[in-house]
């Protein structure tokens, strides 16, 4: 009985989070009211406040979910890769796919970060760095295994360049365009790792 109630509550929270991200991406965090979110979610305002006490809590939940999901996906990607180079390509590809398939979510994450409560901004940065370290570790392993590869930059700068390129897809990717998220991911994975082969 408790498990069903908890599951239902979690599903409702996830739905409210998804709706909030979509509205924040269209209207902006500050211009969105809890009334709008409640109406879009089909909830009364008191019911919405039962799940989330404020817009800030919703925003924090959006960031937490994205960062946790990104790190889990990244760890699985690295573990499943046949080589360090494959891990790097697959990290790039999966990041492109995730970004293209969650454009509204990523728009909120990249454009509303300044709205996070100050005390939580450092936590967001710490979790983001965990993903970056995963990427850097795969790159350093590849470079150690292939000393003939000479990057014209530090591994950290290379990783930030790659992440900057793939994360920016949320701005320009169009579902009706010539490439699917998976095709685009493969293309960027090949292009961005050309210096590593």
Protein backbone atom coordinates (compact mmCIF):
# COMPACT_ATOMS: atom_id res chain seq x y z
CA UNK A 1 0.00 0.00 0.00
CA UNK A 2 2.72 2.50 0.99
CA UNK A 3 4.77 1.59 -2.08
CA UNK A 4 1.81 2.39 -4.38
CA UNK A 5 1.23 5.75 -2.69
CA UNK A 6 4.95 6.60 -2.84
CA UNK A 7 5.11 5.54 -6.47
CA UNK A 8 2.08 7.67 -7.35
CA UNK A 9 3.56 10.67 -5.53
CA UNK A 10 6.89 10.22 -7.31
CA UNK A 11 5.15 9.99 -10.67
CA UNK A 12 3.19 13.15 -9.94
CA UNK A 13 6.35 15.00 -8.86
CA UNK A 14 8.08 13.88 -12.06
CA UNK A 15 5.11 15.08 -14.14
CA UNK A 16 5.05 18.47 -12.38
CA UNK A 17 8.81 18.79 -12.90
CA UNK A 18 8.46 18.01 -16.61
CA UNK A 19 5.62 20.53 -17.03
CA UNK A 20 7.54 23.18 -15.08
CA UNK A 21 10.63 22.74 -17.25
CA UNK A 22 8.53 23.18 -20.39
CA UNK A 23 6.90 26.36 -19.05
CA UNK A 24 10.19 27.78 -17.70
CA UNK A 25 11.81 27.18 -21.10
CA UNK A 26 9.04 29.13 -22.89
CA UNK A 27 8.33 31.93 -20.44
CA UNK A 28 11.41 32.06 -18.26
CA UNK A 29 11.65 31.20 -14.58
CA UNK A 30 10.77 34.63 -13.21
CA UNK A 31 7.77 35.15 -15.49
CA UNK A 32 6.21 31.82 -14.52
CA UNK A 33 3.87 31.59 -11.53
CA UNK A 34 2.97 28.61 -9.40
CA UNK A 35 -0.64 29.20 -10.50
CA UNK A 36 0.36 28.57 -14.13
CA UNK A 37 2.22 25.41 -13.19
CA UNK A 38 -0.71 24.13 -11.13
CA UNK A 39 -3.16 24.81 -13.98
CA UNK A 40 -0.93 23.13 -16.57
CA UNK A 41 -0.49 20.10 -14.31
CA UNK A 42 -4.22 19.88 -13.60
CA UNK A 43 -3.68 20.41 -9.87
CA UNK A 44 -5.07 22.84 -7.36
CA UNK A 45 -2.50 25.27 -6.00
CA UNK A 46 -2.61 23.71 -2.48
CA UNK A 47 -2.00 20.27 -4.04
CA UNK A 48 0.98 21.63 -5.99
CA UNK A 49 2.41 23.11 -2.78
CA UNK A 50 2.05 19.67 -1.20
CA UNK A 51 4.62 18.39 -3.70
CA UNK A 52 6.81 21.50 -4.11
CA UNK A 53 6.97 24.37 -1.64
CA UNK A 54 8.26 26.93 -4.14
CA UNK A 55 9.38 27.59 -7.70
CA UNK A 56 12.96 27.49 -6.44
CA UNK A 57 12.44 23.95 -5.14
CA UNK A 58 11.10 22.98 -8.56
CA UNK A 59 14.14 24.50 -10.26
CA UNK A 60 16.50 22.67 -7.91
CA UNK A 61 14.66 19.41 -8.65
CA UNK A 62 15.07 19.99 -12.39
CA UNK A 63 18.82 20.52 -12.00
CA UNK A 64 19.20 17.56 -9.64
CA UNK A 65 17.34 15.22 -11.97
CA UNK A 66 19.34 16.29 -15.04
CA UNK A 67 22.71 16.06 -13.28
CA UNK A 68 21.93 12.71 -11.65
CA UNK A 69 20.65 11.25 -14.91
CA UNK A 70 23.64 12.61 -16.85
CA UNK A 71 26.15 11.14 -14.41
CA UNK A 72 24.42 7.74 -14.28
CA UNK A 73 24.23 7.62 -18.09
CA UNK A 74 27.87 8.70 -18.36
CA UNK A 75 29.07 6.04 -15.92
CA UNK A 76 27.12 3.34 -17.79
CA UNK A 77 28.48 4.60 -21.12
CA UNK A 78 32.10 4.41 -19.94
CA UNK A 79 31.60 0.99 -18.35
CA UNK A 80 30.08 -0.43 -21.56
CA UNK A 81 32.72 0.99 -23.94
CA UNK A 82 35.24 -1.37 -25.53
CA UNK A 83 38.07 1.18 -25.27
CA UNK A 84 38.82 4.61 -23.85
CA UNK A 85 38.38 6.17 -27.31
CA UNK A 86 35.01 4.46 -27.68
CA UNK A 87 34.08 5.78 -24.24
CA UNK A 88 34.90 9.34 -25.33
CA UNK A 89 32.97 9.02 -28.59
CA UNK A 90 30.03 7.41 -26.80
CA UNK A 91 30.01 10.11 -24.09
CA UNK A 92 29.80 12.76 -26.80
CA UNK A 93 27.14 10.85 -28.73
CA UNK A 94 24.96 10.15 -25.69
CA UNK A 95 25.27 13.77 -24.53
CA UNK A 96 24.11 15.00 -27.95
CA UNK A 97 21.17 12.58 -27.93
CA UNK A 98 20.15 13.57 -24.40
CA UNK A 99 20.43 17.28 -25.20
CA UNK A 100 18.43 17.02 -28.44
CA UNK A 101 15.73 14.86 -26.85
CA UNK A 102 15.39 17.17 -23.82
CA UNK A 103 15.76 20.62 -25.34
CA UNK A 104 13.33 22.38 -23.02
CA UNK A 105 14.96 20.82 -19.97
CA UNK A 106 18.47 21.78 -21.09
CA UNK A 107 17.36 25.30 -21.98
CA UNK A 108 16.24 25.75 -18.38
CA UNK A 109 19.47 24.28 -17.03
CA UNK A 110 21.72 26.49 -19.16
CA UNK A 111 19.72 29.70 -19.06
CA UNK A 112 18.23 29.77 -15.56
CA UNK A 113 21.23 28.72 -13.46
CA UNK A 114 21.51 32.24 -11.99
CA UNK A 115 18.06 31.70 -10.42
CA UNK A 116 19.27 28.82 -8.24
CA UNK A 117 19.47 29.60 -4.53
CA UNK A 118 23.05 30.67 -3.73
CA UNK A 119 23.53 27.93 -1.17
CA UNK A 120 22.77 25.28 -3.81
CA UNK A 121 24.84 26.69 -6.67
CA UNK A 122 28.03 25.08 -5.31
CA UNK A 123 26.29 21.70 -5.10
CA UNK A 124 25.23 22.00 -8.74
CA UNK A 125 28.81 22.84 -9.70
CA UNK A 126 30.15 19.87 -7.71
CA UNK A 127 27.82 17.46 -9.49
CA UNK A 128 28.64 18.91 -12.89
CA UNK A 129 32.34 18.46 -12.17
CA UNK A 130 31.73 14.78 -11.39
CA UNK A 131 30.57 14.28 -14.99
CA UNK A 132 33.52 16.27 -16.32
CA UNK A 133 35.95 14.15 -14.27
CA UNK A 134 34.44 11.00 -15.79
CA UNK A 135 35.12 12.40 -19.27
CA UNK A 136 38.64 13.62 -18.37
CA UNK A 137 39.52 10.20 -16.88
CA UNK A 138 38.53 8.44 -20.14
CA UNK A 139 40.59 10.93 -22.14
CA UNK A 140 43.64 10.59 -19.89
CA UNK A 141 43.42 6.81 -20.15
CA UNK A 142 43.33 7.04 -23.97
CA UNK A 143 46.30 9.43 -24.02
CA UNK A 144 48.29 7.14 -21.69
CA UNK A 145 47.58 4.17 -23.97
CA UNK A 146 48.47 6.18 -27.10
CA UNK A 147 51.47 8.44 -26.35
CA UNK A 148 51.72 9.29 -30.06
CA UNK A 149 48.52 11.38 -29.72
CA UNK A 150 49.44 14.97 -28.89
CA UNK A 151 46.58 17.25 -27.92
CA UNK A 152 47.27 20.98 -28.43
CA UNK A 153 45.52 21.67 -25.12
CA UNK A 154 45.10 20.17 -21.67
CA UNK A 155 42.64 17.29 -21.23
CA UNK A 156 40.36 19.53 -19.17
CA UNK A 157 40.23 22.20 -21.89
CA UNK A 158 39.54 19.53 -24.52
CA UNK A 159 36.68 18.10 -22.44
CA UNK A 160 35.18 21.56 -21.87
CA UNK A 161 35.42 22.24 -25.62
CA UNK A 162 33.56 19.00 -26.38
CA UNK A 163 30.91 19.61 -23.75
CA UNK A 164 30.44 23.19 -24.92
CA UNK A 165 29.88 21.96 -28.48
CA UNK A 166 27.43 19.21 -27.59
CA UNK A 167 25.52 21.11 -24.92
CA UNK A 168 24.90 23.99 -27.34
CA UNK A 169 22.78 21.62 -29.48
CA UNK A 170 19.77 22.59 -27.38
CA UNK A 171 19.88 26.01 -29.11
CA UNK A 172 19.97 24.96 -32.72
CA UNK A 173 18.83 21.35 -33.10
CA UNK A 174 15.53 20.96 -34.96
CA UNK A 175 13.68 17.62 -34.90
CA UNK A 176 12.52 18.21 -38.50
CA UNK A 177 16.13 18.71 -39.64
CA UNK A 178 18.20 16.28 -41.72
CA UNK A 179 19.74 14.34 -38.79
CA UNK A 180 18.18 12.43 -35.91
CA UNK A 181 19.71 12.93 -32.45
CA UNK A 182 21.57 9.61 -32.82
CA UNK A 183 22.92 10.51 -36.28
CA UNK A 184 23.99 13.94 -35.05
CA UNK A 185 25.62 12.33 -32.01
CA UNK A 186 27.66 10.02 -34.24
CA UNK A 187 28.69 12.92 -36.47
CA UNK A 188 29.85 15.10 -33.58
CA UNK A 189 31.51 12.13 -31.88
CA UNK A 190 33.56 11.46 -35.02
CA UNK A 191 34.42 15.13 -35.62
CA UNK A 192 35.36 15.96 -32.03
CA UNK A 193 37.59 12.91 -31.59
CA UNK A 194 39.46 13.34 -34.89
CA UNK A 195 42.44 14.76 -32.98
CA UNK A 196 42.62 11.61 -30.84
CA UNK A 197 43.28 9.10 -33.62
